[in-house]
Amino acid sequence: MARHNREGHGADQRGQEYEVSYQPDWLRLVKVTRTLETGRQSTKTLFRNPAENAEAEPGDRVRTRVRSSDESLDFEVSISDPRSAVSRIRVTCLITAEDGSREEVEFSLDSQLPRSRG
């Protein structure tokens, strides 16, 4: 039986704070990719599930929510995955900076948390 979502948090390359609501038996990690002031692209692990293994089946429908009041960002991904076939979801967001410019930021939600052997 699927368990209720857990809450986690992390910071990106620029120190922006994020909250992550995740299903503990599905989500392994969240990465964020953005362009730095130097023009180079950078990918950072925003959040890693502290569990080493899944304790239960994640269920047919999995949900992950990412919020940042620093970035005025709030999105939730909900998918039906009854066969546990989805290994990664990518979400690209346009974030508006204080100066009015828009930046494309990509979030990668990775599953494949190893199953518990118990």
PDB file of N, CA and C in Angstrom:
ATOM      1  N   MET A   1       0.848  -1.185   0.000  1.00  0.00           N
ATOM      2  CA  MET A   1       0.000   0.000   0.000  1.00  0.00           C
ATOM      3  C   MET A   1       0.891   1.244   0.000  1.00  0.00           C
ATOM      4  N   ALA A   2       0.540   2.208  -0.816  1.00  0.00           N
ATOM      5  CA  ALA A   2       1.308   3.453  -0.916  1.00  0.00           C
ATOM      6  C   ALA A   2       1.215   4.240   0.392  1.00  0.00           C
ATOM      7  N   ARG A   3       2.310   4.916   0.721  1.00  0.00           N
ATOM      8  CA  ARG A   3       2.349   5.721   1.942  1.00  0.00           C
ATOM      9  C   ARG A   3       2.140   7.191   1.593  1.00  0.00           C
ATOM     10  N   HIS A   4       1.776   7.978   2.601  1.00  0.00           N
ATOM     11  CA  HIS A   4       1.538   9.406   2.406  1.00  0.00           C
ATOM     12  C   HIS A   4       2.819  10.145   2.043  1.00  0.00           C
ATOM     13  N   ASN A   5       2.648  11.296   1.375  1.00  0.00           N
ATOM     14  CA  ASN A   5       3.793  12.102   0.987  1.00  0.00           C
ATOM     15  C   ASN A   5       4.582  12.599   2.186  1.00  0.00           C
ATOM     16  N   ARG A   6       5.857  12.798   1.966  1.00  0.00           N
ATOM     17  CA  ARG A   6       6.775  13.358   2.955  1.00  0.00           C
ATOM     18  C   ARG A   6       7.196  14.739   2.468  1.00  0.00           C
ATOM     19  N   GLU A   7       7.782  15.515   3.355  1.00  0.00           N
ATOM     20  CA  GLU A   7       8.262  16.857   3.017  1.00  0.00           C
ATOM     21  C   GLU A   7       9.778  16.903   3.137  1.00  0.00           C
ATOM     22  N   GLY A   8      10.412  17.547   2.188  1.00  0.00           N
ATOM     23  CA  GLY A   8      11.854  17.755   2.220  1.00  0.00           C
ATOM     24  C   GLY A   8      12.159  19.153   1.720  1.00  0.00           C
ATOM     25  N   HIS A   9      13.425  19.524   1.722  1.00  0.00           N
ATOM     26  CA  HIS A   9      13.800  20.848   1.242  1.00  0.00           C
ATOM     27  C   HIS A   9      15.233  20.827   0.716  1.00  0.00           C
ATOM     28  N   GLY A  10      15.574  21.870  -0.025  1.00  0.00           N
ATOM     29  CA  GLY A  10      16.910  21.998  -0.570  1.00  0.00           C
ATOM     30  C   GLY A  10      17.101  23.383  -1.162  1.00  0.00           C
ATOM     31  N   ALA A  11      18.303  23.647  -1.630  1.00  0.00           N
ATOM     32  CA  ALA A  11      18.634  24.938  -2.233  1.00  0.00           C
ATOM     33  C   ALA A  11      19.320  24.698  -3.572  1.00  0.00           C
ATOM     34  N   ASP A  12      19.110  25.621  -4.505  1.00  0.00           N
ATOM     35  CA  ASP A  12      19.715  25.474  -5.829  1.00  0.00           C
ATOM     36  C   ASP A  12      21.077  26.174  -5.895  1.00  0.00           C
ATOM     37  N   GLN A  13      21.609  26.307  -7.101  1.00  0.00           N
ATOM     38  CA  GLN A  13      22.923  26.890  -7.338  1.00  0.00           C
ATOM     39  C   GLN A  13      23.025  28.336  -6.856  1.00  0.00           C
ATOM     40  N   ARG A  14      21.909  29.027  -6.821  1.00  0.00           N
ATOM     41  CA  ARG A  14      21.898  30.445  -6.427  1.00  0.00           C
ATOM     42  C   ARG A  14      21.444  30.649  -4.982  1.00  0.00           C
ATOM     43  N   GLY A  15      21.251  29.562  -4.262  1.00  0.00           N
ATOM     44  CA  GLY A  15      20.839  29.655  -2.875  1.00  0.00           C
ATOM     45  C   GLY A  15      19.336  29.822  -2.686  1.00  0.00           C
ATOM     46  N   GLN A  16      18.559  29.694  -3.760  1.00  0.00           N
ATOM     47  CA  GLN A  16      17.103  29.779  -3.654  1.00  0.00           C
ATOM     48  C   GLN A  16      16.600  28.534  -2.934  1.00  0.00           C
ATOM     49  N   GLU A  17      15.723  28.716  -1.957  1.00  0.00           N
ATOM     50  CA  GLU A  17      15.200  27.612  -1.155  1.00  0.00           C
ATOM     51  C   GLU A  17      13.962  26.988  -1.809  1.00  0.00           C
ATOM     52  N   TYR A  18      13.843  25.657  -1.715  1.00  0.00           N
ATOM     53  CA  TYR A  18      12.727  24.911  -2.275  1.00  0.00           C
ATOM     54  C   TYR A  18      12.197  23.926  -1.248  1.00  0.00           C
ATOM     55  N   GLU A  19      10.896  23.656  -1.323  1.00  0.00           N
ATOM     56  CA  GLU A  19      10.249  22.594  -0.555  1.00  0.00           C
ATOM     57  C   GLU A  19       9.817  21.532  -1.557  1.00  0.00           C
ATOM     58  N   VAL A  20       9.980  20.277  -1.173  1.00  0.00           N
ATOM     59  CA  VAL A  20       9.608  19.159  -2.044  1.00  0.00           C
ATOM     60  C   VAL A  20       8.672  18.243  -1.264  1.00  0.00           C
ATOM     61  N   SER A  21       7.480  18.009  -1.811  1.00  0.00           N
ATOM     62  CA  SER A  21       6.541  17.033  -1.254  1.00  0.00           C
ATOM     63  C   SER A  21       6.630  15.818  -2.169  1.00  0.00           C
ATOM     64  N   TYR A  22       6.937  14.650  -1.587  1.00  0.00           N
ATOM     65  CA  TYR A  22       7.247  13.497  -2.430  1.00  0.00           C
ATOM     66  C   TYR A  22       6.716  12.204  -1.817  1.00  0.00           C
ATOM     67  N   GLN A  23       6.516  11.219  -2.677  1.00  0.00           N
ATOM     68  CA  GLN A  23       6.131   9.894  -2.217  1.00  0.00           C
ATOM     69  C   GLN A  23       7.409   9.137  -1.877  1.00  0.00           C
ATOM     70  N   PRO A  24       7.534   8.706  -0.618  1.00  0.00           N
ATOM     71  CA  PRO A  24       8.802   8.169  -0.124  1.00  0.00           C
ATOM     72  C   PRO A  24       9.256   6.879  -0.800  1.00  0.00           C
ATOM     73  N   ASP A  25       8.365   6.159  -1.446  1.00  0.00           N
ATOM     74  CA  ASP A  25       8.741   4.900  -2.077  1.00  0.00           C
ATOM     75  C   ASP A  25       8.924   5.016  -3.588  1.00  0.00           C
ATOM     76  N   TRP A  26       8.813   6.234  -4.111  1.00  0.00           N
ATOM     77  CA  TRP A  26       8.991   6.440  -5.554  1.00  0.00           C
ATOM     78  C   TRP A  26      10.160   7.377  -5.858  1.00  0.00           C
ATOM     79  N   LEU A  27      10.174   8.557  -5.254  1.00  0.00           N
ATOM     80  CA  LEU A  27      11.172   9.565  -5.608  1.00  0.00           C
ATOM     81  C   LEU A  27      12.540   9.239  -5.019  1.00  0.00           C
ATOM     82  N   ARG A  28      13.556   9.261  -5.870  1.00  0.00           N
ATOM     83  CA  ARG A  28      14.939   9.085  -5.415  1.00  0.00           C
ATOM     84  C   ARG A  28      15.606  10.433  -5.229  1.00  0.00           C
ATOM     85  N   LEU A  29      15.463  11.316  -6.237  1.00  0.00           N
ATOM     86  CA  LEU A  29      16.073  12.638  -6.118  1.00  0.00           C
ATOM     87  C   LEU A  29      15.464  13.625  -7.086  1.00  0.00           C
ATOM     88  N   VAL A  30      15.696  14.925  -6.807  1.00  0.00           N
ATOM     89  CA  VAL A  30      15.284  16.021  -7.687  1.00  0.00           C
ATOM     90  C   VAL A  30      16.541  16.805  -8.025  1.00  0.00           C
ATOM     91  N   LYS A  31      16.770  17.015  -9.311  1.00  0.00           N
ATOM     92  CA  LYS A  31      17.888  17.845  -9.764  1.00  0.00           C
ATOM     93  C   LYS A  31      17.329  19.100 -10.402  1.00  0.00           C
ATOM     94  N   VAL A  32      18.084  20.190 -10.314  1.00  0.00           N
ATOM     95  CA  VAL A  32      17.696  21.443 -10.948  1.00  0.00           C
ATOM     96  C   VAL A  32      18.829  21.871 -11.874  1.00  0.00           C
ATOM     97  N   THR A  33      18.463  22.270 -13.094  1.00  0.00           N
ATOM     98  CA  THR A  33      19.430  22.734 -14.087  1.00  0.00           C
ATOM     99  C   THR A  33      19.074  24.158 -14.450  1.00  0.00           C
ATOM    100  N   ARG A  34      20.078  25.037 -14.360  1.00  0.00           N
ATOM    101  CA  ARG A  34      19.857  26.430 -14.744  1.00  0.00           C
ATOM    102  C   ARG A  34      21.153  27.005 -15.278  1.00  0.00           C
ATOM    103  N   THR A  35      21.035  28.168 -15.925  1.00  0.00           N
ATOM    104  CA  THR A  35      22.193  28.846 -16.478  1.00  0.00           C
ATOM    105  C   THR A  35      22.738  29.818 -15.435  1.00  0.00           C
ATOM    106  N   LEU A  36      24.038  29.747 -15.215  1.00  0.00           N
ATOM    107  CA  LEU A  36      24.686  30.626 -14.252  1.00  0.00           C
ATOM    108  C   LEU A  36      24.993  31.985 -14.881  1.00  0.00           C
ATOM    109  N   GLU A  37      25.396  32.950 -14.058  1.00  0.00           N
ATOM    110  CA  GLU A  37      25.719  34.298 -14.553  1.00  0.00           C
ATOM    111  C   GLU A  37      26.832  34.273 -15.602  1.00  0.00           C
ATOM    112  N   THR A  38      27.722  33.264 -15.517  1.00  0.00           N
ATOM    113  CA  THR A  38      28.836  33.132 -16.461  1.00  0.00           C
ATOM    114  C   THR A  38      28.377  32.618 -17.824  1.00  0.00           C
ATOM    115  N   GLY A  39      27.114  32.173 -17.915  1.00  0.00           N
ATOM    116  CA  GLY A  39      26.598  31.626 -19.163  1.00  0.00           C
ATOM    117  C   GLY A  39      26.684  30.109 -19.219  1.00  0.00           C
ATOM    118  N   ARG A  40      27.383  29.515 -18.281  1.00  0.00           N
ATOM    119  CA  ARG A  40      27.497  28.055 -18.246  1.00  0.00           C
ATOM    120  C   ARG A  40      26.245  27.447 -17.628  1.00  0.00           C
ATOM    121  N   GLN A  41      25.917  26.265 -18.079  1.00  0.00           N
ATOM    122  CA  GLN A  41      24.770  25.551 -17.527  1.00  0.00           C
ATOM    123  C   GLN A  41      25.246  24.700 -16.352  1.00  0.00           C
ATOM    124  N   SER A  42      24.457  24.669 -15.295  1.00  0.00           N
ATOM    125  CA  SER A  42      24.821  23.924 -14.092  1.00  0.00           C
ATOM    126  C   SER A  42      23.652  23.063 -13.635  1.00  0.00           C
ATOM    127  N   THR A  43      23.961  21.827 -13.238  1.00  0.00           N
ATOM    128  CA  THR A  43      22.962  20.929 -12.680  1.00  0.00           C
ATOM    129  C   THR A  43      23.375  20.599 -11.254  1.00  0.00           C
ATOM    130  N   LYS A  44      22.417  20.688 -10.338  1.00  0.00           N
ATOM    131  CA  LYS A  44      22.682  20.425  -8.933  1.00  0.00           C
ATOM    132  C   LYS A  44      21.573  19.546  -8.371  1.00  0.00           C
ATOM    133  N   THR A  45      21.945  18.633  -7.475  1.00  0.00           N
ATOM    134  CA  THR A  45      20.929  17.860  -6.774  1.00  0.00           C
ATOM    135  C   THR A  45      20.269  18.780  -5.770  1.00  0.00           C
ATOM    136  N   LEU A  46      18.979  18.988  -5.962  1.00  0.00           N
ATOM    137  CA  LEU A  46      18.205  19.876  -5.094  1.00  0.00           C
ATOM    138  C   LEU A  46      17.747  19.136  -3.843  1.00  0.00           C
ATOM    139  N   PHE A  47      17.354  17.875  -4.023  1.00  0.00           N
ATOM    140  CA  PHE A  47      16.850  17.081  -2.911  1.00  0.00           C
ATOM    141  C   PHE A  47      17.131  15.615  -3.183  1.00  0.00           C
ATOM    142  N   ARG A  48      17.543  14.902  -2.137  1.00  0.00           N
ATOM    143  CA  ARG A  48      17.751  13.457  -2.233  1.00  0.00           C
ATOM    144  C   ARG A  48      16.923  12.789  -1.131  1.00  0.00           C
ATOM    145  N   ASN A  49      16.155  11.774  -1.504  1.00  0.00           N
ATOM    146  CA  ASN A  49      15.345  11.026  -0.549  1.00  0.00           C
ATOM    147  C   ASN A  49      16.289  10.400   0.481  1.00  0.00           C
ATOM    148  N   PRO A  50      16.069  10.650   1.773  1.00  0.00           N
ATOM    149  CA  PRO A  50      16.973  10.084   2.781  1.00  0.00           C
ATOM    150  C   PRO A  50      16.851   8.568   2.932  1.00  0.00           C
ATOM    151  N   ALA A  51      15.773   7.961   2.438  1.00  0.00           N
ATOM    152  CA  ALA A  51      15.604   6.511   2.524  1.00  0.00           C
ATOM    153  C   ALA A  51      16.537   5.822   1.534  1.00  0.00           C
ATOM    154  N   GLU A  52      17.121   4.728   1.967  1.00  0.00           N
ATOM    155  CA  GLU A  52      17.993   3.960   1.079  1.00  0.00           C
ATOM    156  C   GLU A  52      17.207   3.005   0.193  1.00  0.00           C
ATOM    157  N   ASN A  53      16.046   2.555   0.708  1.00  0.00           N
ATOM    158  CA  ASN A  53      15.210   1.600  -0.024  1.00  0.00           C
ATOM    159  C   ASN A  53      13.746   1.968   0.132  1.00  0.00           C
ATOM    160  N   ALA A  54      12.944   1.535  -0.820  1.00  0.00           N
ATOM    161  CA  ALA A  54      11.498   1.687  -0.715  1.00  0.00           C
ATOM    162  C   ALA A  54      10.977   0.656   0.277  1.00  0.00           C
ATOM    163  N   GLU A  55      10.082   1.083   1.146  1.00  0.00           N
ATOM    164  CA  GLU A  55       9.501   0.168   2.129  1.00  0.00           C
ATOM    165  C   GLU A  55       8.215  -0.479   1.624  1.00  0.00           C
ATOM    166  N   ALA A  56       7.557   0.148   0.651  1.00  0.00           N
ATOM    167  CA  ALA A  56       6.287  -0.341   0.120  1.00  0.00           C
ATOM    168  C   ALA A  56       6.219  -0.017  -1.367  1.00  0.00           C
ATOM    169  N   GLU A  57       5.226  -0.568  -2.031  1.00  0.00           N
ATOM    170  CA  GLU A  57       4.996  -0.220  -3.430  1.00  0.00           C
ATOM    171  C   GLU A  57       4.506   1.227  -3.483  1.00  0.00           C
ATOM    172  N   PRO A  58       4.932   2.004  -4.474  1.00  0.00           N
ATOM    173  CA  PRO A  58       4.541   3.412  -4.515  1.00  0.00           C
ATOM    174  C   PRO A  58       3.077   3.655  -4.858  1.00  0.00           C
ATOM    175  N   GLY A  59       2.380   2.696  -5.389  1.00  0.00           N
ATOM    176  CA  GLY A  59       0.992   2.892  -5.787  1.00  0.00           C
ATOM    177  C   GLY A  59       0.899   3.203  -7.265  1.00  0.00           C
ATOM    178  N   ASP A  60      -0.327   3.199  -7.781  1.00  0.00           N
ATOM    179  CA  ASP A  60      -0.556   3.426  -9.215  1.00  0.00           C
ATOM    180  C   ASP A  60      -0.353   4.874  -9.621  1.00  0.00           C
ATOM    181  N   ARG A  61      -0.629   5.811  -8.716  1.00  0.00           N
ATOM    182  CA  ARG A  61      -0.506   7.235  -9.016  1.00  0.00           C
ATOM    183  C   ARG A  61       0.544   7.827  -8.092  1.00  0.00           C
ATOM    184  N   VAL A  62       1.538   8.503  -8.687  1.00  0.00           N
ATOM    185  CA  VAL A  62       2.583   9.137  -7.886  1.00  0.00           C
ATOM    186  C   VAL A  62       2.544  10.645  -8.085  1.00  0.00           C
ATOM    187  N   ARG A  63       2.804  11.370  -6.992  1.00  0.00           N
ATOM    188  CA  ARG A  63       2.747  12.834  -7.023  1.00  0.00           C
ATOM    189  C   ARG A  63       4.007  13.409  -6.399  1.00  0.00           C
ATOM    190  N   THR A  64       4.503  14.455  -7.026  1.00  0.00           N
ATOM    191  CA  THR A  64       5.620  15.210  -6.474  1.00  0.00           C
ATOM    192  C   THR A  64       5.316  16.687  -6.677  1.00  0.00           C
ATOM    193  N   ARG A  65       5.532  17.474  -5.626  1.00  0.00           N
ATOM    194  CA  ARG A  65       5.293  18.914  -5.696  1.00  0.00           C
ATOM    195  C   ARG A  65       6.581  19.647  -5.333  1.00  0.00           C
ATOM    196  N   VAL A  66       6.888  20.696  -6.092  1.00  0.00           N
ATOM    197  CA  VAL A  66       8.061  21.536  -5.841  1.00  0.00           C
ATOM    198  C   VAL A  66       7.574  22.966  -5.675  1.00  0.00           C
ATOM    199  N   ARG A  67       7.983  23.588  -4.565  1.00  0.00           N
ATOM    200  CA  ARG A  67       7.565  24.970  -4.271  1.00  0.00           C
ATOM    201  C   ARG A  67       8.780  25.791  -3.872  1.00  0.00           C
ATOM    202  N   SER A  68       8.762  27.058  -4.273  1.00  0.00           N
ATOM    203  CA  SER A  68       9.783  28.004  -3.840  1.00  0.00           C
ATOM    204  C   SER A  68       9.162  29.391  -3.773  1.00  0.00           C
ATOM    205  N   SER A  69       9.044  29.923  -2.568  1.00  0.00           N
ATOM    206  CA  SER A  69       8.537  31.292  -2.454  1.00  0.00           C
ATOM    207  C   SER A  69       9.594  32.266  -2.970  1.00  0.00           C
ATOM    208  N   ASP A  70      10.896  31.916  -2.845  1.00  0.00           N
ATOM    209  CA  ASP A  70      11.974  32.756  -3.378  1.00  0.00           C
ATOM    210  C   ASP A  70      11.809  32.972  -4.884  1.00  0.00           C
ATOM    211  N   GLU A  71      11.378  31.921  -5.590  1.00  0.00           N
ATOM    212  CA  GLU A  71      11.259  31.969  -7.046  1.00  0.00           C
ATOM    213  C   GLU A  71       9.812  32.166  -7.512  1.00  0.00           C
ATOM    214  N   SER A  72       8.864  32.300  -6.583  1.00  0.00           N
ATOM    215  CA  SER A  72       7.431  32.363  -6.927  1.00  0.00           C
ATOM    216  C   SER A  72       7.048  31.186  -7.823  1.00  0.00           C
ATOM    217  N   LEU A  73       7.452  29.994  -7.390  1.00  0.00           N
ATOM    218  CA  LEU A  73       7.253  28.781  -8.168  1.00  0.00           C
ATOM    219  C   LEU A  73       6.486  27.759  -7.338  1.00  0.00           C
ATOM    220  N   ASP A  74       5.526  27.102  -7.960  1.00  0.00           N
ATOM    221  CA  ASP A  74       4.754  26.057  -7.293  1.00  0.00           C
ATOM    222  C   ASP A  74       4.149  25.172  -8.375  1.00  0.00           C
ATOM    223  N   PHE A  75       4.654  23.934  -8.497  1.00  0.00           N
ATOM    224  CA  PHE A  75       4.066  23.006  -9.450  1.00  0.00           C
ATOM    225  C   PHE A  75       3.981  21.621  -8.826  1.00  0.00           C
ATOM    226  N   GLU A  76       3.020  20.840  -9.324  1.00  0.00           N
ATOM    227  CA  GLU A  76       2.857  19.462  -8.877  1.00  0.00           C
ATOM    228  C   GLU A  76       2.720  18.568 -10.099  1.00  0.00           C
ATOM    229  N   VAL A  77       3.423  17.456 -10.073  1.00  0.00           N
ATOM    230  CA  VAL A  77       3.345  16.460 -11.131  1.00  0.00           C
ATOM    231  C   VAL A  77       2.642  15.245 -10.553  1.00  0.00           C
ATOM    232  N   SER A  78       1.617  14.773 -11.249  1.00  0.00           N
ATOM    233  CA  SER A  78       0.888  13.585 -10.838  1.00  0.00           C
ATOM    234  C   SER A  78       0.772  12.682 -12.061  1.00  0.00           C
ATOM    235  N   ILE A  79       1.253  11.451 -11.917  1.00  0.00           N
ATOM    236  CA  ILE A  79       1.192  10.531 -13.050  1.00  0.00           C
ATOM    237  C   ILE A  79       0.602   9.198 -12.608  1.00  0.00           C
ATOM    238  N   SER A  80      -0.017   8.540 -13.542  1.00  0.00           N
ATOM    239  CA  SER A  80      -0.488   7.181 -13.329  1.00  0.00           C
ATOM    240  C   SER A  80       0.592   6.263 -13.882  1.00  0.00           C
ATOM    241  N   ASP A  81       1.141   5.424 -13.010  1.00  0.00           N
ATOM    242  CA  ASP A  81       2.245   4.543 -13.396  1.00  0.00           C
ATOM    243  C   ASP A  81       2.058   3.173 -12.738  1.00  0.00           C
ATOM    244  N   PRO A  82       0.992   2.444 -13.116  1.00  0.00           N
ATOM    245  CA  PRO A  82       0.674   1.192 -12.422  1.00  0.00           C
ATOM    246  C   PRO A  82       1.736   0.103 -12.547  1.00  0.00           C
ATOM    247  N   ARG A  83       2.584   0.180 -13.550  1.00  0.00           N
ATOM    248  CA  ARG A  83       3.618  -0.852 -13.739  1.00  0.00           C
ATOM    249  C   ARG A  83       5.010  -0.387 -13.307  1.00  0.00           C
ATOM    250  N   SER A  84       5.068   0.782 -12.664  1.00  0.00           N
ATOM    251  CA  SER A  84       6.345   1.349 -12.199  1.00  0.00           C
ATOM    252  C   SER A  84       7.360   1.428 -13.336  1.00  0.00           C
ATOM    253  N   ALA A  85       6.917   1.915 -14.481  1.00  0.00           N
ATOM    254  CA  ALA A  85       7.768   1.998 -15.667  1.00  0.00           C
ATOM    255  C   ALA A  85       8.463   3.350 -15.807  1.00  0.00           C
ATOM    256  N   VAL A  86       7.938   4.396 -15.173  1.00  0.00           N
ATOM    257  CA  VAL A  86       8.511   5.742 -15.318  1.00  0.00           C
ATOM    258  C   VAL A  86       9.753   5.858 -14.451  1.00  0.00           C
ATOM    259  N   SER A  87      10.862   6.266 -15.070  1.00  0.00           N
ATOM    260  CA  SER A  87      12.110   6.400 -14.314  1.00  0.00           C
ATOM    261  C   SER A  87      12.531   7.858 -14.135  1.00  0.00           C
ATOM    262  N   ARG A  88      12.042   8.749 -14.979  1.00  0.00           N
ATOM    263  CA  ARG A  88      12.420  10.162 -14.851  1.00  0.00           C
ATOM    264  C   ARG A  88      11.344  11.032 -15.474  1.00  0.00           C
ATOM    265  N   ILE A  89      11.095  12.160 -14.815  1.00  0.00           N
ATOM    266  CA  ILE A  89      10.177  13.169 -15.339  1.00  0.00           C
ATOM    267  C   ILE A  89      10.940  14.484 -15.373  1.00  0.00           C
ATOM    268  N   ARG A  90      10.874  15.186 -16.492  1.00  0.00           N
ATOM    269  CA  ARG A  90      11.517  16.499 -16.602  1.00  0.00           C
ATOM    270  C   ARG A  90      10.451  17.569 -16.743  1.00  0.00           C
ATOM    271  N   VAL A  91      10.603  18.619 -15.944  1.00  0.00           N
ATOM    272  CA  VAL A  91       9.678  19.744 -15.963  1.00  0.00           C
ATOM    273  C   VAL A  91      10.498  20.996 -16.202  1.00  0.00           C
ATOM    274  N   THR A  92      10.131  21.751 -17.240  1.00  0.00           N
ATOM    275  CA  THR A  92      10.823  23.002 -17.530  1.00  0.00           C
ATOM    276  C   THR A  92       9.900  24.157 -17.194  1.00  0.00           C
ATOM    277  N   CYS A  93      10.410  25.097 -16.400  1.00  0.00           N
ATOM    278  CA  CYS A  93       9.621  26.249 -15.944  1.00  0.00           C
ATOM    279  C   CYS A  93      10.277  27.542 -16.416  1.00  0.00           C
ATOM    280  N   LEU A  94       9.466  28.547 -16.694  1.00  0.00           N
ATOM    281  CA  LEU A  94       9.963  29.889 -16.960  1.00  0.00           C
ATOM    282  C   LEU A  94       9.787  30.701 -15.681  1.00  0.00           C
ATOM    283  N   ILE A  95      10.896  31.165 -15.145  1.00  0.00           N
ATOM    284  CA  ILE A  95      10.885  31.923 -13.900  1.00  0.00           C
ATOM    285  C   ILE A  95      11.225  33.369 -14.215  1.00  0.00           C
ATOM    286  N   THR A  96      10.435  34.290 -13.671  1.00  0.00           N
ATOM    287  CA  THR A  96      10.663  35.712 -13.893  1.00  0.00           C
ATOM    288  C   THR A  96      11.536  36.274 -12.776  1.00  0.00           C
ATOM    289  N   ALA A  97      12.639  36.900 -13.166  1.00  0.00           N
ATOM    290  CA  ALA A  97      13.565  37.513 -12.201  1.00  0.00           C
ATOM    291  C   ALA A  97      13.032  38.871 -11.764  1.00  0.00           C
ATOM    292  N   GLU A  98      13.666  39.441 -10.737  1.00  0.00           N
ATOM    293  CA  GLU A  98      13.245  40.747 -10.218  1.00  0.00           C
ATOM    294  C   GLU A  98      13.327  41.843 -11.282  1.00  0.00           C
ATOM    295  N   ASP A  99      14.279  41.720 -12.220  1.00  0.00           N
ATOM    296  CA  ASP A  99      14.426  42.733 -13.268  1.00  0.00           C
ATOM    297  C   ASP A  99      13.460  42.520 -14.432  1.00  0.00           C
ATOM    298  N   GLY A 100      12.601  41.482 -14.321  1.00  0.00           N
ATOM    299  CA  GLY A 100      11.611  41.224 -15.369  1.00  0.00           C
ATOM    300  C   GLY A 100      12.067  40.230 -16.415  1.00  0.00           C
ATOM    301  N   SER A 101      13.335  39.865 -16.418  1.00  0.00           N
ATOM    302  CA  SER A 101      13.819  38.876 -17.389  1.00  0.00           C
ATOM    303  C   SER A 101      13.291  37.496 -17.009  1.00  0.00           C
ATOM    304  N   ARG A 102      13.207  36.635 -18.019  1.00  0.00           N
ATOM    305  CA  ARG A 102      12.702  35.278 -17.782  1.00  0.00           C
ATOM    306  C   ARG A 102      13.823  34.278 -18.007  1.00  0.00           C
ATOM    307  N   GLU A 103      13.838  33.281 -17.149  1.00  0.00           N
ATOM    308  CA  GLU A 103      14.870  32.252 -17.233  1.00  0.00           C
ATOM    309  C   GLU A 103      14.206  30.882 -17.258  1.00  0.00           C
ATOM    310  N   GLU A 104      14.724  30.006 -18.093  1.00  0.00           N
ATOM    311  CA  GLU A 104      14.228  28.645 -18.170  1.00  0.00           C
ATOM    312  C   GLU A 104      15.004  27.790 -17.166  1.00  0.00           C
ATOM    313  N   VAL A 105      14.277  27.108 -16.280  1.00  0.00           N
ATOM    314  CA  VAL A 105      14.872  26.251 -15.267  1.00  0.00           C
ATOM    315  C   VAL A 105      14.246  24.869 -15.401  1.00  0.00           C
ATOM    316  N   GLU A 106      15.081  23.830 -15.419  1.00  0.00           N
ATOM    317  CA  GLU A 106      14.585  22.464 -15.584  1.00  0.00           C
ATOM    318  C   GLU A 106      14.762  21.675 -14.296  1.00  0.00           C
ATOM    319  N   PHE A 107      13.710  20.941 -13.941  1.00  0.00           N
ATOM    320  CA  PHE A 107      13.731  20.060 -12.784  1.00  0.00           C
ATOM    321  C   PHE A 107      13.624  18.633 -13.286  1.00  0.00           C
ATOM    322  N   SER A 108      14.444  17.763 -12.767  1.00  0.00           N
ATOM    323  CA  SER A 108      14.422  16.353 -13.136  1.00  0.00           C
ATOM    324  C   SER A 108      14.041  15.550 -11.896  1.00  0.00           C
ATOM    325  N   LEU A 109      12.927  14.816 -11.980  1.00  0.00           N
ATOM    326  CA  LEU A 109      12.444  13.991 -10.883  1.00  0.00           C
ATOM    327  C   LEU A 109      12.796  12.546 -11.218  1.00  0.00           C
ATOM    328  N   ASP A 110      13.697  11.967 -10.463  1.00  0.00           N
ATOM    329  CA  ASP A 110      14.158  10.614 -10.737  1.00  0.00           C
ATOM    330  C   ASP A 110      13.570   9.624  -9.751  1.00  0.00           C
ATOM    331  N   SER A 111      13.101   8.503 -10.271  1.00  0.00           N
ATOM    332  CA  SER A 111      12.561   7.459  -9.411  1.00  0.00           C
ATOM    333  C   SER A 111      13.622   6.380  -9.238  1.00  0.00           C
ATOM    334  N   GLN A 112      13.218   5.148  -9.262  1.00  0.00           N
ATOM    335  CA  GLN A 112      14.105   3.989  -9.155  1.00  0.00           C
ATOM    336  C   GLN A 112      14.769   3.866  -7.781  1.00  0.00           C
ATOM    337  N   LEU A 113      14.027   4.194  -6.731  1.00  0.00           N
ATOM    338  CA  LEU A 113      14.497   3.922  -5.377  1.00  0.00           C
ATOM    339  C   LEU A 113      14.516   2.397  -5.219  1.00  0.00           C
ATOM    340  N   PRO A 114      15.653   1.810  -4.833  1.00  0.00           N
ATOM    341  CA  PRO A 114      15.715   0.345  -4.746  1.00  0.00           C
ATOM    342  C   PRO A 114      14.666  -0.211  -3.780  1.00  0.00           C
ATOM    343  N   ARG A 115      14.132  -1.375  -4.109  1.00  0.00           N
ATOM    344  CA  ARG A 115      13.133  -2.027  -3.274  1.00  0.00           C
ATOM    345  C   ARG A 115      13.823  -2.665  -2.070  1.00  0.00           C
ATOM    346  N   SER A 116      13.155  -2.632  -0.959  1.00  0.00           N
ATOM    347  CA  SER A 116      13.650  -3.265   0.258  1.00  0.00           C
ATOM    348  C   SER A 116      13.661  -4.767   0.076  1.00  0.00           C
ATOM    349  N   ARG A 117      14.645  -5.456   0.624  1.00  0.00           N
ATOM    350  CA  ARG A 117      14.745  -6.903   0.454  1.00  0.00           C
ATOM    351  C   ARG A 117      13.932  -7.670   1.490  1.00  0.00           C
ATOM    352  N   GLY A 118      13.423  -6.918   2.490  1.00  0.00           N
ATOM    353  CA  GLY A 118      12.689  -7.548   3.587  1.00  0.00           C
ATOM    354  C   GLY A 118      11.465  -8.195   3.113  1.00  0.00           C
TER     355      GLY A 118
END
